[in-house]
Amino acid sequence: MNISRENIDNLTAVIKIDIEPTDYQEIVEKKLEDYRKKVRMDGFRPGKAPAGLVKKIYGKAIQIDEVQQLLGEKLNSYIHDNNLKIMGEPIPSENTQPIDWENDESFHFQFDIAISPEVTLNLNDDDKFIDYRVQITEEMIDDQVTDYTQRFGSVVPAEEIAENDVVRGDLCQVTEEGESGCNEEHDHEHDHENSIHAHGTLIHIKSIADEEIKRLFIGKKVNDTVVFNPNVAFPNETDRASLLRIEKEQLEGIDSDFTFTIHEISRQQPAEVNQELFDKCFGKDAADSVESFREQIREDLTQRFDHEAHYRFHLDAKKHLMEKTEVPLPEEFLKRWMLTTSQDDKLTREQLDLEFPLFAEDLKWRMIKNVVVEEQKFEITTEELREQAYRSARTRYQQYGLYDVPFEQIIRLADALLENEDEKRKMSEQVLEGKVIKHVKTVVKLEEKEISVEDFYKLFDEN
């Protein structure tokens, strides 16, 4: 067997492998003999079939399997033994001659490989970053107090509709004759005589997009009726379909007025600022006065914005490293490899060309991170991974507005995330990336800067 490598350029090479009969014949003969002992053939006792007949029937298939297995083993061994750091996987060269498995005895293979480029980071205290500190104002604390009183408030009935109220009632389409034909005997979510009736539907007054229609509702009482056009009140198709209790595909052609008969008005009544609210927000006896409650809020906001400031540094550091570090990529090889290994049968070269810049950016960032990870010998402990799982679980609940989920429930979700291999891999990457960013922060020069919350969020808008 002969294995050789021909470098095409600094990033790509061709590995050539020649396999001769002497490389595989002995083991093929042995496997044929073992197979002969086990195979059952009509007219022969078990293990007594003629060797020539067994070879004629099964020899070629065994030979092909052995050559392919030998090829894979030798290719991987060559890459390992020569310490080749490759990108992706070897792929058959485009100019490889087709293999005639039925007649060839000697086989010649060629594989294209991509060599990972050497990535060098030149970070030092000449690299300057701003370490933001968001100013926590009394107004911000006031807003948070208001948010807590709303969140832990209660829903009470109201006599007249106000802007923040939720109303429940019957929504009925007005016919061409100017009548809605809506009555309590109709089943909700059913079409009666080609007109739409949605009984018991809910409308949050604040969500109405048209100010004129919103004013029609405000001040109305139970049993009053409002006539409006849902297309104007709710331009968003998803919201409108939900309101009318129909599928989005059924919205086409519906542009008439509807009557809405009010049956119930609900209002969110803010909670009182007292010990009960303090305990709900921060735990029992964590705050025992308005002053200590506000101080707890200040600490909470400080921690939250310190976390967001670290994320801002994360974005700035990533951008700086990407711009400063040269990471050449064998783009043509990578595109061929992606097309070859993609599980998406509909992926075209044109689509890949459009999507490749994002893939290349992600790949460059991963290679830069790996340099830091290898240089600093970063590893992930079980405790760090579990802490990340807790954070991920808590964040998922908060995305749905659930801030007071019992700790036991968070643990159950965290354990479920850890059992999912894809989720576990993503969380491992997050832990490593966090270590990389923390390391960068110790190397570069930091300038601490106080900033208002408005200006801080403008930094994200600019990006």
Foldseek 3Di string as FASTA:
>chain_A
DDWDWAAPDPWKIKIKDKDALVNPVVVLLVVLLVCLQADDDPPDDRSGDDSVVSCVVCVLVSSVVRVVVVVVVVVVCVCVVVVFAWDFDWDWDPPADDDPSVPDRMDMTMTMTTGFDDWDDDFFAVDEDAQEAADDDPVNLVVVLQVLQLVPFDKDFDFWDDQQKKFWWKKFFQDPVRHRPDDPVDDALDQDPNIFIHHGFMDGLNQFPDPVQSVQRGGDGAQDKGKDWLCNRPVDLVVSCSRRVHDSVPCPPRTGIIMTHTHTMMDTDTHDPAQVSLCQVPHHPCDHDPVSSSVVVVVVVSVVVSVVSLVVLLVVVLVVRLVPMDGDDPVVVVLVSCVVPPPDPPDDSVNCVVVVVVVVSVVVSVVVLVVLCVVVVDDDDPVQLLVLLLVVLCVVCVVVVDNRDDSVVSSVSSVVLCVDPVSSVVSRVVSSSVVSSVVSVVGYHYDYDYDHPVVVVVVVVVD
